[in-house]
Amino acid sequence: MFQDFIEIIILSAIQGISEFLPISSSAHLIVVSNLYDLKASSLLIDISLHLGSLFAIIFFFKKDLFDLKNNQKLLKLIIIGSLPLIIFGYILHSTELIHLLRNIEVIAWTTLLFGIILYFADQRKIDQNISTNLNLTSIMFIGLFQILALVPGVSRAGITMTAARFLKFNRVDSGKISFLLSIPALAGASFLGLKDIQNESIEINILIIIAIVSSFLFSYITVKFFLKYLNKFSLNIFVIYRLIIALILMLIIYF
């Protein structure tokens, strides 16, 4: 029981921190689970971790979400921008093609490639903001990029921020766009997970509750401090982190 508790905390920290940073939560969860053979990892735990992150982002942006009733334009744009990921995610999930991509070699190369792309995107000059410049064209551009996040290692947060930075949105607004798009993405991931276990008996035990609560806490803290970070610093530290992780994984795979 104690070992399961420790593993849940580890998985929650990985999910909560990496879900909203441009480093790929799915890649970290896959790599850590494979390398350390975590016994607590399961589909129900995975759903619980995503629900924790979903509740955290909703709670953090509760004021903005309540204001959406007075900002129908932004609400429609977030829905439209989420459709490509939801559609392609459902296709890959229902055909089980998604499982072909869940291996460490794919993660190593996507971590490297999209880390480099993130670096170049972050060098763009700033002249766009979410309140005046987010429109149908820009949200579709970001939404189409978000499809790539279905490949582990790409990072949903990373690719949406990359697309927003290519469009010259400032870093904080790029982060906010990514966070708002994460709500339908996390809800969709949780729904697909629940769909997979609909014929199984679901037992809500203490580990499930711990997974949701701890994922919530790690996610909330990450979002709060990441927005402060974006207000002062570039994304270079995450680019360097991705390059180091990619190098380590390649050494494990090829040597």
C-alpha atoms as a PDB file:
ATOM      1  CA  MET A   1       0.000   0.000   0.000  1.00  0.00           C
ATOM      2  CA  PHE A   2       2.789   2.422   0.940  1.00  0.00           C
ATOM      3  CA  GLN A   3       4.636   1.669  -2.323  1.00  0.00           C
ATOM      4  CA  ASP A   4       1.447   2.312  -4.301  1.00  0.00           C
ATOM      5  CA  PHE A   5       1.016   5.630  -2.470  1.00  0.00           C
ATOM      6  CA  ILE A   6       4.561   6.716  -3.358  1.00  0.00           C
ATOM      7  CA  GLU A   7       4.059   5.696  -6.993  1.00  0.00           C
ATOM      8  CA  ILE A   8       0.780   7.634  -7.177  1.00  0.00           C
ATOM      9  CA  ILE A   9       2.525  10.756  -5.877  1.00  0.00           C
ATOM     10  CA  ILE A  10       5.294  10.299  -8.468  1.00  0.00           C
ATOM     11  CA  LEU A  11       2.788   9.850 -11.296  1.00  0.00           C
ATOM     12  CA  SER A  12       0.743  12.827 -10.067  1.00  0.00           C
ATOM     13  CA  ALA A  13       3.825  15.036  -9.991  1.00  0.00           C
ATOM     14  CA  ILE A  14       4.779  13.982 -13.511  1.00  0.00           C
ATOM     15  CA  GLN A  15       1.241  14.547 -14.823  1.00  0.00           C
ATOM     16  CA  GLY A  16       0.599  17.794 -12.969  1.00  0.00           C
ATOM     17  CA  ILE A  17       3.918  19.414 -13.833  1.00  0.00           C
ATOM     18  CA  SER A  18       4.487  18.170 -17.381  1.00  0.00           C
ATOM     19  CA  GLU A  19       0.870  18.548 -18.603  1.00  0.00           C
ATOM     20  CA  PHE A  20       1.128  22.333 -18.688  1.00  0.00           C
ATOM     21  CA  LEU A  21       4.828  22.772 -19.436  1.00  0.00           C
ATOM     22  CA  PRO A  22       6.157  22.328 -23.010  1.00  0.00           C
ATOM     23  CA  ILE A  23       7.786  18.969 -22.221  1.00  0.00           C
ATOM     24  CA  SER A  24       5.055  16.329 -22.898  1.00  0.00           C
ATOM     25  CA  SER A  25       3.244  14.639 -20.016  1.00  0.00           C
ATOM     26  CA  SER A  26       2.455  11.489 -22.036  1.00  0.00           C
ATOM     27  CA  ALA A  27       6.130  11.014 -22.885  1.00  0.00           C
ATOM     28  CA  HIS A  28       7.202  11.363 -19.250  1.00  0.00           C
ATOM     29  CA  LEU A  29       4.500   9.001 -17.999  1.00  0.00           C
ATOM     30  CA  ILE A  30       5.364   6.376 -20.658  1.00  0.00           C
ATOM     31  CA  VAL A  31       9.121   6.588 -20.097  1.00  0.00           C
ATOM     32  CA  VAL A  32       8.947   6.518 -16.280  1.00  0.00           C
ATOM     33  CA  SER A  33       6.373   3.692 -16.243  1.00  0.00           C
ATOM     34  CA  ASN A  34       8.509   1.621 -18.663  1.00  0.00           C
ATOM     35  CA  LEU A  35      11.858   2.243 -17.001  1.00  0.00           C
ATOM     36  CA  TYR A  36      10.686   1.701 -13.432  1.00  0.00           C
ATOM     37  CA  ASP A  37       7.775  -0.705 -14.013  1.00  0.00           C
ATOM     38  CA  LEU A  38       5.405   1.203 -11.748  1.00  0.00           C
ATOM     39  CA  LYS A  39       2.801  -1.183 -10.394  1.00  0.00           C
ATOM     40  CA  ALA A  40       0.288   1.555  -9.530  1.00  0.00           C
ATOM     41  CA  SER A  41       0.014   2.698 -13.153  1.00  0.00           C
ATOM     42  CA  SER A  42      -3.330   1.683 -14.702  1.00  0.00           C
ATOM     43  CA  LEU A  43      -6.021   3.069 -16.992  1.00  0.00           C
ATOM     44  CA  LEU A  44      -8.184   4.137 -14.041  1.00  0.00           C
ATOM     45  CA  ILE A  45      -5.235   5.882 -12.381  1.00  0.00           C
ATOM     46  CA  ASP A  46      -4.404   7.565 -15.703  1.00  0.00           C
ATOM     47  CA  ILE A  47      -7.983   8.868 -15.938  1.00  0.00           C
ATOM     48  CA  SER A  48      -7.780  10.097 -12.338  1.00  0.00           C
ATOM     49  CA  LEU A  49      -4.548  11.983 -13.065  1.00  0.00           C
ATOM     50  CA  HIS A  50      -6.127  13.694 -16.086  1.00  0.00           C
ATOM     51  CA  LEU A  51      -9.231  14.572 -14.069  1.00  0.00           C
ATOM     52  CA  GLY A  52      -7.041  16.166 -11.406  1.00  0.00           C
ATOM     53  CA  SER A  53      -5.367  18.339 -14.030  1.00  0.00           C
ATOM     54  CA  LEU A  54      -8.737  19.172 -15.592  1.00  0.00           C
ATOM     55  CA  PHE A  55     -10.222  20.265 -12.248  1.00  0.00           C
ATOM     56  CA  ALA A  56      -7.101  22.346 -11.537  1.00  0.00           C
ATOM     57  CA  ILE A  57      -7.187  24.289 -14.805  1.00  0.00           C
ATOM     58  CA  ILE A  58     -10.934  24.887 -14.469  1.00  0.00           C
ATOM     59  CA  PHE A  59     -10.469  26.116 -10.890  1.00  0.00           C
ATOM     60  CA  PHE A  60      -7.522  28.345 -11.817  1.00  0.00           C
ATOM     61  CA  PHE A  61      -9.365  29.977 -14.725  1.00  0.00           C
ATOM     62  CA  LYS A  62     -12.811  29.936 -13.074  1.00  0.00           C
ATOM     63  CA  LYS A  63     -13.181  33.710 -13.391  1.00  0.00           C
ATOM     64  CA  ASP A  64     -12.223  33.647 -17.080  1.00  0.00           C
ATOM     65  CA  LEU A  65     -14.551  30.715 -17.701  1.00  0.00           C
ATOM     66  CA  PHE A  66     -17.476  32.453 -15.996  1.00  0.00           C
ATOM     67  CA  ASP A  67     -16.721  35.527 -18.118  1.00  0.00           C
ATOM     68  CA  LEU A  68     -17.010  33.432 -21.287  1.00  0.00           C
ATOM     69  CA  LYS A  69     -20.775  33.904 -21.178  1.00  0.00           C
ATOM     70  CA  ASN A  70     -20.018  37.573 -21.846  1.00  0.00           C
ATOM     71  CA  ASN A  71     -17.307  36.705 -24.360  1.00  0.00           C
ATOM     72  CA  GLN A  72     -19.016  34.402 -26.822  1.00  0.00           C
ATOM     73  CA  LYS A  73     -16.300  35.026 -29.410  1.00  0.00           C
ATOM     74  CA  LEU A  74     -13.537  33.518 -27.251  1.00  0.00           C
ATOM     75  CA  LEU A  75     -15.758  30.591 -26.255  1.00  0.00           C
ATOM     76  CA  LYS A  76     -16.489  29.782 -29.903  1.00  0.00           C
ATOM     77  CA  LEU A  77     -12.812  30.098 -30.825  1.00  0.00           C
ATOM     78  CA  ILE A  78     -11.744  27.674 -28.057  1.00  0.00           C
ATOM     79  CA  ILE A  79     -14.372  25.150 -29.204  1.00  0.00           C
ATOM     80  CA  ILE A  80     -13.351  25.507 -32.868  1.00  0.00           C
ATOM     81  CA  GLY A  81      -9.651  25.255 -32.008  1.00  0.00           C
ATOM     82  CA  SER A  82     -10.272  22.042 -30.057  1.00  0.00           C
ATOM     83  CA  LEU A  83     -12.214  20.228 -32.786  1.00  0.00           C
ATOM     84  CA  PRO A  84      -9.198  19.013 -34.849  1.00  0.00           C
ATOM     85  CA  LEU A  85      -7.591  17.344 -31.815  1.00  0.00           C
ATOM     86  CA  ILE A  86     -10.886  15.807 -30.662  1.00  0.00           C
ATOM     87  CA  ILE A  87     -11.679  14.414 -34.132  1.00  0.00           C
ATOM     88  CA  PHE A  88      -8.221  13.021 -34.897  1.00  0.00           C
ATOM     89  CA  GLY A  89      -7.793  11.844 -31.304  1.00  0.00           C
ATOM     90  CA  TYR A  90     -11.009   9.854 -31.511  1.00  0.00           C
ATOM     91  CA  ILE A  91      -9.957   8.302 -34.853  1.00  0.00           C
ATOM     92  CA  LEU A  92      -6.516   7.273 -33.575  1.00  0.00           C
ATOM     93  CA  HIS A  93      -7.978   5.991 -30.324  1.00  0.00           C
ATOM     94  CA  SER A  94     -10.835   4.007 -31.894  1.00  0.00           C
ATOM     95  CA  THR A  95      -8.529   2.418 -34.502  1.00  0.00           C
ATOM     96  CA  GLU A  96      -5.892   1.795 -31.803  1.00  0.00           C
ATOM     97  CA  LEU A  97      -3.253   3.384 -34.059  1.00  0.00           C
ATOM     98  CA  ILE A  98      -2.302   5.547 -31.088  1.00  0.00           C
ATOM     99  CA  HIS A  99      -0.565   2.557 -29.469  1.00  0.00           C
ATOM    100  CA  LEU A 100       1.923   2.325 -32.370  1.00  0.00           C
ATOM    101  CA  LEU A 101       3.291   5.730 -31.391  1.00  0.00           C
ATOM    102  CA  ARG A 102       3.723   5.008 -27.692  1.00  0.00           C
ATOM    103  CA  ASN A 103       7.358   3.897 -27.678  1.00  0.00           C
ATOM    104  CA  ILE A 104      10.568   5.436 -26.391  1.00  0.00           C
ATOM    105  CA  GLU A 105      12.243   5.757 -29.815  1.00  0.00           C
ATOM    106  CA  VAL A 106       9.396   7.924 -31.131  1.00  0.00           C
ATOM    107  CA  ILE A 107       9.475   9.962 -27.923  1.00  0.00           C
ATOM    108  CA  ALA A 108      13.229  10.565 -28.205  1.00  0.00           C
ATOM    109  CA  TRP A 109      12.999  11.989 -31.736  1.00  0.00           C
ATOM    110  CA  THR A 110       9.847  14.041 -31.196  1.00  0.00           C
ATOM    111  CA  THR A 111      11.286  15.469 -27.976  1.00  0.00           C
ATOM    112  CA  LEU A 112      14.377  16.578 -29.906  1.00  0.00           C
ATOM    113  CA  LEU A 113      12.659  17.850 -33.067  1.00  0.00           C
ATOM    114  CA  PHE A 114       9.855  19.797 -31.438  1.00  0.00           C
ATOM    115  CA  GLY A 115      12.213  21.215 -28.828  1.00  0.00           C
ATOM    116  CA  ILE A 116      14.239  22.766 -31.663  1.00  0.00           C
ATOM    117  CA  ILE A 117      11.067  24.067 -33.340  1.00  0.00           C
ATOM    118  CA  LEU A 118       9.965  25.581 -30.011  1.00  0.00           C
ATOM    119  CA  TYR A 119      13.279  27.449 -29.804  1.00  0.00           C
ATOM    120  CA  PHE A 120      12.857  29.095 -33.209  1.00  0.00           C
ATOM    121  CA  ALA A 121       9.204  29.921 -32.555  1.00  0.00           C
ATOM    122  CA  ASP A 122      10.105  31.619 -29.281  1.00  0.00           C
ATOM    123  CA  GLN A 123      12.473  34.011 -31.090  1.00  0.00           C
ATOM    124  CA  ARG A 124       9.580  35.726 -32.859  1.00  0.00           C
ATOM    125  CA  LYS A 125       8.891  39.377 -32.157  1.00  0.00           C
ATOM    126  CA  ILE A 126       5.772  40.117 -30.106  1.00  0.00           C
ATOM    127  CA  ASP A 127       2.936  42.117 -31.608  1.00  0.00           C
ATOM    128  CA  GLN A 128      -0.201  40.016 -30.953  1.00  0.00           C
ATOM    129  CA  ASN A 129      -2.384  39.527 -27.891  1.00  0.00           C
ATOM    130  CA  ILE A 130      -5.297  37.261 -27.067  1.00  0.00           C
ATOM    131  CA  SER A 131      -7.899  40.000 -26.550  1.00  0.00           C
ATOM    132  CA  THR A 132      -7.557  41.678 -29.953  1.00  0.00           C
ATOM    133  CA  ASN A 133      -5.729  39.292 -32.281  1.00  0.00           C
ATOM    134  CA  LEU A 134      -7.109  35.808 -31.582  1.00  0.00           C
ATOM    135  CA  ASN A 135      -9.420  35.084 -34.507  1.00  0.00           C
ATOM    136  CA  LEU A 136     -10.728  32.150 -36.556  1.00  0.00           C
ATOM    137  CA  THR A 137      -7.616  31.920 -38.724  1.00  0.00           C
ATOM    138  CA  SER A 138      -5.165  31.977 -35.809  1.00  0.00           C
ATOM    139  CA  ILE A 139      -7.122  29.524 -33.635  1.00  0.00           C
ATOM    140  CA  MET A 140      -7.445  27.072 -36.537  1.00  0.00           C
ATOM    141  CA  PHE A 141      -3.693  27.329 -37.133  1.00  0.00           C
ATOM    142  CA  ILE A 142      -3.042  26.566 -33.458  1.00  0.00           C
ATOM    143  CA  GLY A 143      -5.741  23.865 -33.409  1.00  0.00           C
ATOM    144  CA  LEU A 144      -4.248  22.060 -36.409  1.00  0.00           C
ATOM    145  CA  PHE A 145      -0.808  22.160 -34.791  1.00  0.00           C
ATOM    146  CA  GLN A 146      -2.370  20.673 -31.657  1.00  0.00           C
ATOM    147  CA  ILE A 147      -3.138  17.466 -33.581  1.00  0.00           C
ATOM    148  CA  LEU A 148       0.597  16.702 -33.467  1.00  0.00           C
ATOM    149  CA  ALA A 149       0.290  16.421 -29.672  1.00  0.00           C
ATOM    150  CA  LEU A 150      -1.306  13.003 -30.188  1.00  0.00           C
ATOM    151  CA  VAL A 151       2.248  11.779 -30.787  1.00  0.00           C
ATOM    152  CA  PRO A 152       4.006  11.291 -27.410  1.00  0.00           C
ATOM    153  CA  GLY A 153       6.969  13.606 -26.973  1.00  0.00           C
ATOM    154  CA  VAL A 154       5.513  16.456 -29.015  1.00  0.00           C
ATOM    155  CA  SER A 155       3.747  18.026 -25.985  1.00  0.00           C
ATOM    156  CA  ARG A 156       0.288  19.535 -26.296  1.00  0.00           C
ATOM    157  CA  ALA A 157       1.327  22.597 -24.291  1.00  0.00           C
ATOM    158  CA  GLY A 158       4.546  22.834 -26.278  1.00  0.00           C
ATOM    159  CA  ILE A 159       3.011  22.605 -29.735  1.00  0.00           C
ATOM    160  CA  THR A 160       0.162  25.035 -29.002  1.00  0.00           C
ATOM    161  CA  MET A 161       2.601  27.557 -27.540  1.00  0.00           C
ATOM    162  CA  THR A 162       4.908  27.005 -30.521  1.00  0.00           C
ATOM    163  CA  ALA A 163       2.058  27.756 -32.925  1.00  0.00           C
ATOM    164  CA  ALA A 164       0.985  30.815 -30.929  1.00  0.00           C
ATOM    165  CA  ARG A 165       4.559  32.128 -30.798  1.00  0.00           C
ATOM    166  CA  PHE A 166       4.918  31.634 -34.572  1.00  0.00           C
ATOM    167  CA  LEU A 167       1.850  33.886 -34.851  1.00  0.00           C
ATOM    168  CA  LYS A 168       3.692  36.456 -32.671  1.00  0.00           C
ATOM    169  CA  PHE A 169       1.477  36.151 -29.590  1.00  0.00           C
ATOM    170  CA  ASN A 170       3.346  37.140 -26.433  1.00  0.00           C
ATOM    171  CA  ARG A 171       4.478  34.340 -24.119  1.00  0.00           C
ATOM    172  CA  VAL A 172       1.862  34.890 -21.418  1.00  0.00           C
ATOM    173  CA  ASP A 173      -1.016  34.934 -23.914  1.00  0.00           C
ATOM    174  CA  SER A 174       0.472  31.924 -25.700  1.00  0.00           C
ATOM    175  CA  GLY A 175       0.358  30.153 -22.346  1.00  0.00           C
ATOM    176  CA  LYS A 176      -3.238  31.227 -21.716  1.00  0.00           C
ATOM    177  CA  ILE A 177      -4.335  30.009 -25.152  1.00  0.00           C
ATOM    178  CA  SER A 178      -2.626  26.681 -24.451  1.00  0.00           C
ATOM    179  CA  PHE A 179      -4.258  26.410 -21.010  1.00  0.00           C
ATOM    180  CA  LEU A 180      -7.750  27.182 -22.333  1.00  0.00           C
ATOM    181  CA  LEU A 181      -7.325  24.606 -25.108  1.00  0.00           C
ATOM    182  CA  SER A 182      -6.223  22.077 -22.477  1.00  0.00           C
ATOM    183  CA  ILE A 183      -9.720  21.994 -20.961  1.00  0.00           C
ATOM    184  CA  PRO A 184     -11.433  20.267 -23.939  1.00  0.00           C
ATOM    185  CA  ALA A 185      -8.289  18.156 -24.483  1.00  0.00           C
ATOM    186  CA  LEU A 186      -8.216  16.854 -20.900  1.00  0.00           C
ATOM    187  CA  ALA A 187     -11.991  16.356 -20.892  1.00  0.00           C
ATOM    188  CA  GLY A 188     -11.725  14.384 -24.138  1.00  0.00           C
ATOM    189  CA  ALA A 189      -8.870  12.223 -22.819  1.00  0.00           C
ATOM    190  CA  SER A 190     -10.848  11.483 -19.653  1.00  0.00           C
ATOM    191  CA  PHE A 191     -13.985  10.638 -21.659  1.00  0.00           C
ATOM    192  CA  LEU A 192     -12.110   8.226 -23.948  1.00  0.00           C
ATOM    193  CA  GLY A 193     -10.556   6.575 -20.903  1.00  0.00           C
ATOM    194  CA  LEU A 194     -13.926   6.157 -19.208  1.00  0.00           C
ATOM    195  CA  LYS A 195     -15.328   4.769 -22.467  1.00  0.00           C
ATOM    196  CA  ASP A 196     -12.640   2.058 -22.409  1.00  0.00           C
ATOM    197  CA  ILE A 197     -13.646   0.876 -18.934  1.00  0.00           C
ATOM    198  CA  GLN A 198     -17.416   1.319 -19.235  1.00  0.00           C
ATOM    199  CA  ASN A 199     -17.968  -2.429 -19.020  1.00  0.00           C
ATOM    200  CA  GLU A 200     -15.722  -2.824 -15.990  1.00  0.00           C
ATOM    201  CA  SER A 201     -16.691  -2.261 -12.391  1.00  0.00           C
ATOM    202  CA  ILE A 202     -15.191   1.000 -11.172  1.00  0.00           C
ATOM    203  CA  GLU A 203     -14.143   0.985  -7.558  1.00  0.00           C
ATOM    204  CA  ILE A 204     -13.436   4.409  -6.078  1.00  0.00           C
ATOM    205  CA  ASN A 205     -10.720   3.672  -3.539  1.00  0.00           C
ATOM    206  CA  ILE A 206      -8.237   5.776  -1.610  1.00  0.00           C
ATOM    207  CA  LEU A 207      -5.598   5.572  -4.370  1.00  0.00           C
ATOM    208  CA  ILE A 208      -8.015   7.053  -6.918  1.00  0.00           C
ATOM    209  CA  ILE A 209      -8.829   9.923  -4.575  1.00  0.00           C
ATOM    210  CA  ILE A 210      -5.131  10.514  -3.853  1.00  0.00           C
ATOM    211  CA  ALA A 211      -4.370  10.517  -7.592  1.00  0.00           C
ATOM    212  CA  ILE A 212      -7.040  13.143  -8.334  1.00  0.00           C
ATOM    213  CA  VAL A 213      -6.182  15.379  -5.377  1.00  0.00           C
ATOM    214  CA  SER A 214      -2.398  15.238  -5.800  1.00  0.00           C
ATOM    215  CA  SER A 215      -2.634  15.740  -9.578  1.00  0.00           C
ATOM    216  CA  PHE A 216      -4.893  18.727  -8.893  1.00  0.00           C
ATOM    217  CA  LEU A 217      -2.360  20.267  -6.512  1.00  0.00           C
ATOM    218  CA  PHE A 218       0.674  19.730  -8.748  1.00  0.00           C
ATOM    219  CA  SER A 219      -1.262  21.035 -11.786  1.00  0.00           C
ATOM    220  CA  TYR A 220      -2.558  24.146 -10.011  1.00  0.00           C
ATOM    221  CA  ILE A 221       0.874  25.095  -8.659  1.00  0.00           C
ATOM    222  CA  THR A 222       2.473  24.525 -12.068  1.00  0.00           C
ATOM    223  CA  VAL A 223      -0.023  26.728 -13.925  1.00  0.00           C
ATOM    224  CA  LYS A 224       0.284  29.492 -11.339  1.00  0.00           C
ATOM    225  CA  PHE A 225       4.072  29.683 -11.388  1.00  0.00           C
ATOM    226  CA  PHE A 226       4.456  28.984 -15.123  1.00  0.00           C
ATOM    227  CA  LEU A 227       2.399  32.087 -15.982  1.00  0.00           C
ATOM    228  CA  LYS A 228       4.647  34.149 -13.702  1.00  0.00           C
ATOM    229  CA  TYR A 229       7.695  32.601 -15.359  1.00  0.00           C
ATOM    230  CA  LEU A 230       6.402  33.428 -18.850  1.00  0.00           C
ATOM    231  CA  ASN A 231       6.034  37.054 -17.854  1.00  0.00           C
ATOM    232  CA  LYS A 232       9.791  37.364 -17.257  1.00  0.00           C
ATOM    233  CA  PHE A 233      11.700  34.666 -19.102  1.00  0.00           C
ATOM    234  CA  SER A 234      12.037  32.912 -22.462  1.00  0.00           C
ATOM    235  CA  LEU A 235      11.292  29.235 -23.115  1.00  0.00           C
ATOM    236  CA  ASN A 236      14.975  28.371 -23.574  1.00  0.00           C
ATOM    237  CA  ILE A 237      15.191  26.368 -20.325  1.00  0.00           C
ATOM    238  CA  PHE A 238      12.524  23.983 -21.646  1.00  0.00           C
ATOM    239  CA  VAL A 239      14.303  23.693 -24.990  1.00  0.00           C
ATOM    240  CA  ILE A 240      17.523  22.741 -23.181  1.00  0.00           C
ATOM    241  CA  TYR A 241      15.630  20.269 -20.974  1.00  0.00           C
ATOM    242  CA  ARG A 242      14.073  18.620 -24.041  1.00  0.00           C
ATOM    243  CA  LEU A 243      17.464  18.305 -25.758  1.00  0.00           C
ATOM    244  CA  ILE A 244      18.987  16.693 -22.662  1.00  0.00           C
ATOM    245  CA  ILE A 245      16.091  14.228 -22.278  1.00  0.00           C
ATOM    246  CA  ALA A 246      16.253  13.367 -26.001  1.00  0.00           C
ATOM    247  CA  LEU A 247      20.005  12.725 -25.742  1.00  0.00           C
ATOM    248  CA  ILE A 248      19.585  10.484 -22.683  1.00  0.00           C
ATOM    249  CA  LEU A 249      16.816   8.471 -24.379  1.00  0.00           C
ATOM    250  CA  MET A 250      18.905   8.054 -27.540  1.00  0.00           C
ATOM    251  CA  LEU A 251      21.842   6.822 -25.495  1.00  0.00           C
ATOM    252  CA  ILE A 252      19.527   4.266 -23.847  1.00  0.00           C
ATOM    253  CA  ILE A 253      18.061   3.166 -27.206  1.00  0.00           C
ATOM    254  CA  TYR A 254      21.102   3.091 -29.482  1.00  0.00           C
ATOM    255  CA  PHE A 255      24.009   2.306 -27.145  1.00  0.00           C
END
